[in-house]
Amino acid sequence: MNDQDASAPLWPTVDALWERLESARTHAGPEGMLLRILKLSEEVGEVAEAVIGATGQNPRKGVTHTWEDVQAELCDVAITALVALRTLTPDAQEVFDAHLKGVRDRPLAPPA
């Protein structure tokens, strides 16, 4: 990977990943969309596995992962979520940006 690839713009990269996955999709329509969304559960499970491995919480296995592994798995979750959003709408960037603004502007404490 060269330096230009490392700083690839987020949404064009998400679109390119989506196009690649779409071209190889074996399930179309609602079923394919649901499977794409369910992929998130698999990725979140891999985060949990990495955290358990980084903390050595499985006594049979000990320490099997690093915190860098956890970081990578969290990135996979974020990428998978963005691709799933792109699967639901071609306006994924606008939907995400509007939602992010709402979350950013949300008060941290409940109203008094």
N, C-alpha and C. Protein backbone atom coordinates (compact mmCIF):
# COMPACT_ATOMS: atom_id res chain seq x y z
N MET A 1 0.85 -1.17 0.00
CA MET A 1 0.00 0.00 0.00
C MET A 1 0.89 1.23 0.00
N ASN A 2 0.64 2.16 -0.91
CA ASN A 2 1.44 3.38 -0.91
C ASN A 2 0.77 4.45 -0.06
N ASP A 3 1.46 5.59 0.13
CA ASP A 3 0.93 6.65 0.98
C ASP A 3 -0.40 7.18 0.48
N GLN A 4 -0.57 7.24 -0.83
CA GLN A 4 -1.83 7.73 -1.39
C GLN A 4 -2.98 6.80 -1.02
N ASP A 5 -2.76 5.49 -1.06
CA ASP A 5 -3.79 4.53 -0.68
C ASP A 5 -4.15 4.67 0.79
N ALA A 6 -3.14 4.92 1.63
CA ALA A 6 -3.37 4.99 3.07
C ALA A 6 -4.29 6.15 3.44
N SER A 7 -4.30 7.21 2.63
CA SER A 7 -5.13 8.35 2.94
C SER A 7 -6.32 8.46 1.97
N ALA A 8 -6.76 7.33 1.45
CA ALA A 8 -7.88 7.33 0.50
C ALA A 8 -9.11 7.94 1.15
N PRO A 9 -9.84 8.76 0.40
CA PRO A 9 -11.04 9.37 0.96
C PRO A 9 -12.05 8.30 1.38
N LEU A 10 -12.69 8.53 2.50
CA LEU A 10 -13.57 7.52 3.10
C LEU A 10 -14.68 7.08 2.15
N TRP A 11 -15.51 8.01 1.71
CA TRP A 11 -16.71 7.60 0.98
C TRP A 11 -16.43 7.02 -0.41
N PRO A 12 -15.47 7.54 -1.17
CA PRO A 12 -15.14 6.84 -2.42
C PRO A 12 -14.63 5.42 -2.18
N THR A 13 -13.91 5.24 -1.08
CA THR A 13 -13.41 3.90 -0.73
C THR A 13 -14.57 2.98 -0.34
N VAL A 14 -15.52 3.50 0.45
CA VAL A 14 -16.71 2.71 0.80
C VAL A 14 -17.47 2.32 -0.46
N ASP A 15 -17.64 3.27 -1.37
CA ASP A 15 -18.33 2.97 -2.63
C ASP A 15 -17.60 1.90 -3.43
N ALA A 16 -16.28 1.98 -3.47
CA ALA A 16 -15.50 0.98 -4.21
C ALA A 16 -15.62 -0.39 -3.57
N LEU A 17 -15.57 -0.45 -2.24
CA LEU A 17 -15.76 -1.73 -1.55
C LEU A 17 -17.15 -2.28 -1.82
N TRP A 18 -18.16 -1.42 -1.75
CA TRP A 18 -19.53 -1.83 -2.01
C TRP A 18 -19.67 -2.40 -3.42
N GLU A 19 -19.08 -1.71 -4.41
CA GLU A 19 -19.15 -2.19 -5.79
C GLU A 19 -18.49 -3.56 -5.92
N ARG A 20 -17.35 -3.74 -5.28
CA ARG A 20 -16.65 -5.03 -5.32
C ARG A 20 -17.50 -6.13 -4.72
N LEU A 21 -18.10 -5.85 -3.56
CA LEU A 21 -18.94 -6.85 -2.90
C LEU A 21 -20.20 -7.13 -3.71
N GLU A 22 -20.78 -6.09 -4.29
CA GLU A 22 -21.98 -6.29 -5.10
C GLU A 22 -21.70 -7.18 -6.31
N SER A 23 -20.53 -7.02 -6.90
CA SER A 23 -20.21 -7.81 -8.10
C SER A 23 -20.02 -9.30 -7.77
N ALA A 24 -19.72 -9.59 -6.50
CA ALA A 24 -19.50 -10.98 -6.09
C ALA A 24 -20.65 -11.54 -5.26
N ARG A 25 -21.72 -10.77 -5.11
CA ARG A 25 -22.82 -11.18 -4.25
C ARG A 25 -23.54 -12.41 -4.81
N THR A 26 -23.82 -13.39 -3.94
CA THR A 26 -24.53 -14.59 -4.37
C THR A 26 -26.00 -14.56 -3.97
N HIS A 27 -26.37 -13.65 -3.06
CA HIS A 27 -27.76 -13.50 -2.64
C HIS A 27 -28.20 -12.07 -2.94
N ALA A 28 -29.26 -11.93 -3.70
CA ALA A 28 -29.74 -10.61 -4.09
C ALA A 28 -30.98 -10.22 -3.29
N GLY A 29 -31.46 -9.03 -3.54
CA GLY A 29 -32.70 -8.56 -2.95
C GLY A 29 -32.64 -8.43 -1.44
N PRO A 30 -33.80 -8.57 -0.80
CA PRO A 30 -33.86 -8.40 0.66
C PRO A 30 -32.96 -9.38 1.41
N GLU A 31 -32.84 -10.60 0.91
CA GLU A 31 -31.99 -11.59 1.58
C GLU A 31 -30.53 -11.13 1.58
N GLY A 32 -30.06 -10.65 0.44
CA GLY A 32 -28.69 -10.17 0.35
C GLY A 32 -28.44 -8.98 1.26
N MET A 33 -29.42 -8.08 1.34
CA MET A 33 -29.29 -6.92 2.21
C MET A 33 -29.21 -7.35 3.67
N LEU A 34 -30.07 -8.28 4.07
CA LEU A 34 -30.04 -8.76 5.45
C LEU A 34 -28.72 -9.45 5.77
N LEU A 35 -28.22 -10.24 4.85
CA LEU A 35 -26.94 -10.91 5.08
C LEU A 35 -25.80 -9.90 5.22
N ARG A 36 -25.86 -8.84 4.42
CA ARG A 36 -24.83 -7.80 4.51
C ARG A 36 -24.87 -7.14 5.89
N ILE A 37 -26.07 -6.90 6.40
CA ILE A 37 -26.23 -6.27 7.71
C ILE A 37 -25.81 -7.25 8.82
N LEU A 38 -26.16 -8.52 8.67
CA LEU A 38 -25.78 -9.52 9.67
C LEU A 38 -24.26 -9.70 9.78
N LYS A 39 -23.55 -9.35 8.73
CA LYS A 39 -22.08 -9.43 8.75
C LYS A 39 -21.53 -8.61 9.91
N LEU A 40 -22.27 -7.56 10.31
CA LEU A 40 -21.85 -6.75 11.45
C LEU A 40 -21.73 -7.59 12.72
N SER A 41 -22.68 -8.49 12.94
CA SER A 41 -22.63 -9.34 14.13
C SER A 41 -21.37 -10.17 14.15
N GLU A 42 -21.00 -10.69 13.01
CA GLU A 42 -19.76 -11.48 12.92
C GLU A 42 -18.55 -10.62 13.29
N GLU A 43 -18.50 -9.41 12.74
CA GLU A 43 -17.37 -8.53 13.01
C GLU A 43 -17.31 -8.10 14.48
N VAL A 44 -18.46 -7.82 15.07
CA VAL A 44 -18.49 -7.46 16.50
C VAL A 44 -18.01 -8.64 17.34
N GLY A 45 -18.38 -9.84 16.95
CA GLY A 45 -17.89 -11.03 17.66
C GLY A 45 -16.39 -11.14 17.58
N GLU A 46 -15.80 -10.74 16.46
CA GLU A 46 -14.35 -10.78 16.33
C GLU A 46 -13.69 -9.73 17.23
N VAL A 47 -14.37 -8.59 17.45
CA VAL A 47 -13.85 -7.62 18.42
C VAL A 47 -13.84 -8.25 19.81
N ALA A 48 -14.95 -8.88 20.18
CA ALA A 48 -15.03 -9.52 21.50
C ALA A 48 -13.95 -10.58 21.65
N GLU A 49 -13.75 -11.38 20.63
CA GLU A 49 -12.71 -12.41 20.68
C GLU A 49 -11.33 -11.78 20.87
N ALA A 50 -11.08 -10.69 20.17
CA ALA A 50 -9.77 -10.03 20.29
C ALA A 50 -9.58 -9.42 21.68
N VAL A 51 -10.63 -8.83 22.25
CA VAL A 51 -10.52 -8.27 23.60
C VAL A 51 -10.26 -9.38 24.62
N ILE A 52 -11.00 -10.47 24.49
CA ILE A 52 -10.78 -11.61 25.38
C ILE A 52 -9.35 -12.13 25.22
N GLY A 53 -8.89 -12.20 23.98
CA GLY A 53 -7.53 -12.66 23.72
C GLY A 53 -6.46 -11.69 24.21
N ALA A 54 -6.73 -10.39 24.10
CA ALA A 54 -5.75 -9.39 24.54
C ALA A 54 -5.65 -9.32 26.06
N THR A 55 -6.72 -9.68 26.74
CA THR A 55 -6.72 -9.64 28.20
C THR A 55 -6.45 -11.00 28.82
N GLY A 56 -6.34 -12.04 27.99
CA GLY A 56 -6.05 -13.38 28.50
C GLY A 56 -7.19 -13.97 29.32
N GLN A 57 -8.41 -13.61 29.00
CA GLN A 57 -9.55 -14.04 29.81
C GLN A 57 -9.95 -15.50 29.60
N ASN A 58 -9.46 -16.14 28.56
CA ASN A 58 -9.73 -17.56 28.37
C ASN A 58 -8.55 -18.33 28.96
N PRO A 59 -8.76 -18.97 30.12
CA PRO A 59 -7.62 -19.64 30.78
C PRO A 59 -7.02 -20.77 29.95
N ARG A 60 -7.78 -21.36 29.05
CA ARG A 60 -7.22 -22.42 28.21
C ARG A 60 -6.29 -21.89 27.14
N LYS A 61 -6.51 -20.63 26.74
CA LYS A 61 -5.73 -20.07 25.63
C LYS A 61 -4.71 -19.02 26.06
N GLY A 62 -4.98 -18.32 27.15
CA GLY A 62 -4.08 -17.25 27.58
C GLY A 62 -4.20 -16.04 26.66
N VAL A 63 -3.12 -15.30 26.55
CA VAL A 63 -3.10 -14.10 25.71
C VAL A 63 -2.86 -14.54 24.26
N THR A 64 -3.83 -14.26 23.41
CA THR A 64 -3.76 -14.69 22.01
C THR A 64 -3.82 -13.54 21.03
N HIS A 65 -4.15 -12.33 21.52
CA HIS A 65 -4.30 -11.16 20.65
C HIS A 65 -3.59 -9.97 21.29
N THR A 66 -3.42 -8.94 20.49
CA THR A 66 -2.84 -7.68 20.98
C THR A 66 -3.92 -6.60 20.91
N TRP A 67 -3.63 -5.46 21.53
CA TRP A 67 -4.56 -4.33 21.43
C TRP A 67 -4.59 -3.79 20.01
N GLU A 68 -3.53 -4.01 19.26
CA GLU A 68 -3.54 -3.64 17.84
C GLU A 68 -4.54 -4.52 17.08
N ASP A 69 -4.66 -5.79 17.48
CA ASP A 69 -5.67 -6.66 16.88
C ASP A 69 -7.07 -6.11 17.16
N VAL A 70 -7.29 -5.63 18.39
CA VAL A 70 -8.59 -5.05 18.74
C VAL A 70 -8.85 -3.83 17.88
N GLN A 71 -7.85 -3.00 17.70
CA GLN A 71 -8.02 -1.81 16.85
C GLN A 71 -8.42 -2.21 15.43
N ALA A 72 -7.75 -3.21 14.88
CA ALA A 72 -8.05 -3.66 13.52
C ALA A 72 -9.48 -4.20 13.43
N GLU A 73 -9.89 -4.95 14.44
CA GLU A 73 -11.25 -5.50 14.43
C GLU A 73 -12.30 -4.39 14.54
N LEU A 74 -12.01 -3.37 15.34
CA LEU A 74 -12.93 -2.23 15.43
C LEU A 74 -13.03 -1.51 14.08
N CYS A 75 -11.92 -1.40 13.39
CA CYS A 75 -11.95 -0.80 12.05
C CYS A 75 -12.82 -1.64 11.11
N ASP A 76 -12.70 -2.97 11.21
CA ASP A 76 -13.53 -3.84 10.39
C ASP A 76 -15.02 -3.62 10.66
N VAL A 77 -15.37 -3.40 11.93
CA VAL A 77 -16.76 -3.14 12.29
C VAL A 77 -17.23 -1.85 11.62
N ALA A 78 -16.41 -0.80 11.72
CA ALA A 78 -16.79 0.49 11.13
C ALA A 78 -16.94 0.38 9.62
N ILE A 79 -16.01 -0.28 8.96
CA ILE A 79 -16.07 -0.45 7.51
C ILE A 79 -17.30 -1.25 7.13
N THR A 80 -17.55 -2.34 7.84
CA THR A 80 -18.70 -3.18 7.54
C THR A 80 -20.00 -2.42 7.72
N ALA A 81 -20.09 -1.59 8.75
CA ALA A 81 -21.29 -0.79 8.98
C ALA A 81 -21.48 0.22 7.85
N LEU A 82 -20.43 0.86 7.41
CA LEU A 82 -20.55 1.84 6.34
C LEU A 82 -20.94 1.18 5.02
N VAL A 83 -20.39 0.01 4.74
CA VAL A 83 -20.77 -0.71 3.52
C VAL A 83 -22.23 -1.18 3.62
N ALA A 84 -22.66 -1.61 4.80
CA ALA A 84 -24.06 -2.01 4.98
C ALA A 84 -24.98 -0.80 4.77
N LEU A 85 -24.59 0.35 5.28
CA LEU A 85 -25.38 1.56 5.07
C LEU A 85 -25.44 1.89 3.58
N ARG A 86 -24.33 1.75 2.89
CA ARG A 86 -24.29 2.00 1.44
C ARG A 86 -25.18 1.00 0.70
N THR A 87 -25.31 -0.19 1.23
CA THR A 87 -26.18 -1.19 0.63
C THR A 87 -27.65 -0.76 0.74
N LEU A 88 -27.98 -0.10 1.84
CA LEU A 88 -29.36 0.36 2.05
C LEU A 88 -29.71 1.59 1.24
N THR A 89 -28.71 2.45 0.99
CA THR A 89 -29.01 3.70 0.29
C THR A 89 -27.79 4.20 -0.48
N PRO A 90 -28.00 4.69 -1.70
CA PRO A 90 -26.88 5.31 -2.41
C PRO A 90 -26.48 6.65 -1.78
N ASP A 91 -27.32 7.19 -0.89
CA ASP A 91 -27.05 8.45 -0.20
C ASP A 91 -26.42 8.22 1.17
N ALA A 92 -25.61 7.17 1.28
CA ALA A 92 -25.04 6.79 2.58
C ALA A 92 -24.27 7.93 3.23
N GLN A 93 -23.49 8.67 2.47
CA GLN A 93 -22.70 9.75 3.05
C GLN A 93 -23.61 10.81 3.66
N GLU A 94 -24.65 11.20 2.95
CA GLU A 94 -25.56 12.23 3.46
C GLU A 94 -26.31 11.73 4.69
N VAL A 95 -26.75 10.47 4.65
CA VAL A 95 -27.46 9.89 5.80
C VAL A 95 -26.53 9.85 7.01
N PHE A 96 -25.30 9.40 6.79
CA PHE A 96 -24.34 9.31 7.90
C PHE A 96 -24.00 10.69 8.45
N ASP A 97 -23.72 11.64 7.56
CA ASP A 97 -23.35 12.98 8.02
C ASP A 97 -24.47 13.62 8.83
N ALA A 98 -25.72 13.47 8.38
CA ALA A 98 -26.84 14.04 9.12
C ALA A 98 -26.99 13.36 10.49
N HIS A 99 -26.82 12.06 10.52
CA HIS A 99 -26.93 11.34 11.79
C HIS A 99 -25.79 11.72 12.73
N LEU A 100 -24.58 11.81 12.20
CA LEU A 100 -23.42 12.18 13.02
C LEU A 100 -23.62 13.57 13.61
N LYS A 101 -24.14 14.50 12.83
CA LYS A 101 -24.41 15.85 13.34
C LYS A 101 -25.41 15.78 14.49
N GLY A 102 -26.46 14.98 14.33
CA GLY A 102 -27.44 14.84 15.39
C GLY A 102 -26.84 14.26 16.67
N VAL A 103 -25.98 13.27 16.51
CA VAL A 103 -25.33 12.67 17.67
C VAL A 103 -24.38 13.68 18.31
N ARG A 104 -23.64 14.39 17.49
CA ARG A 104 -22.70 15.39 18.01
C ARG A 104 -23.43 16.48 18.79
N ASP A 105 -24.59 16.89 18.32
CA ASP A 105 -25.34 17.98 18.94
C ASP A 105 -26.22 17.51 20.10
N ARG A 106 -26.31 16.22 20.30
CA ARG A 106 -27.15 15.67 21.37
C ARG A 106 -26.53 16.00 22.73
N PRO A 107 -27.33 16.47 23.67
CA PRO A 107 -26.77 16.75 25.00
C PRO A 107 -26.35 15.45 25.69
N LEU A 108 -25.32 15.56 26.52
CA LEU A 108 -24.84 14.37 27.23
C LEU A 108 -25.73 14.01 28.41
N ALA A 109 -26.35 15.00 29.00
CA ALA A 109 -27.19 14.77 30.17
C ALA A 109 -28.66 14.85 29.77
N PRO A 110 -29.54 14.15 30.49
CA PRO A 110 -30.96 14.25 30.19
C PRO A 110 -31.46 15.67 30.51
N PRO A 111 -32.54 16.09 29.85
CA PRO A 111 -33.07 17.42 30.14
C PRO A 111 -33.46 17.55 31.62
N ALA A 112 -33.25 18.73 32.14
CA ALA A 112 -33.56 18.97 33.57
C ALA A 112 -35.05 19.02 33.81
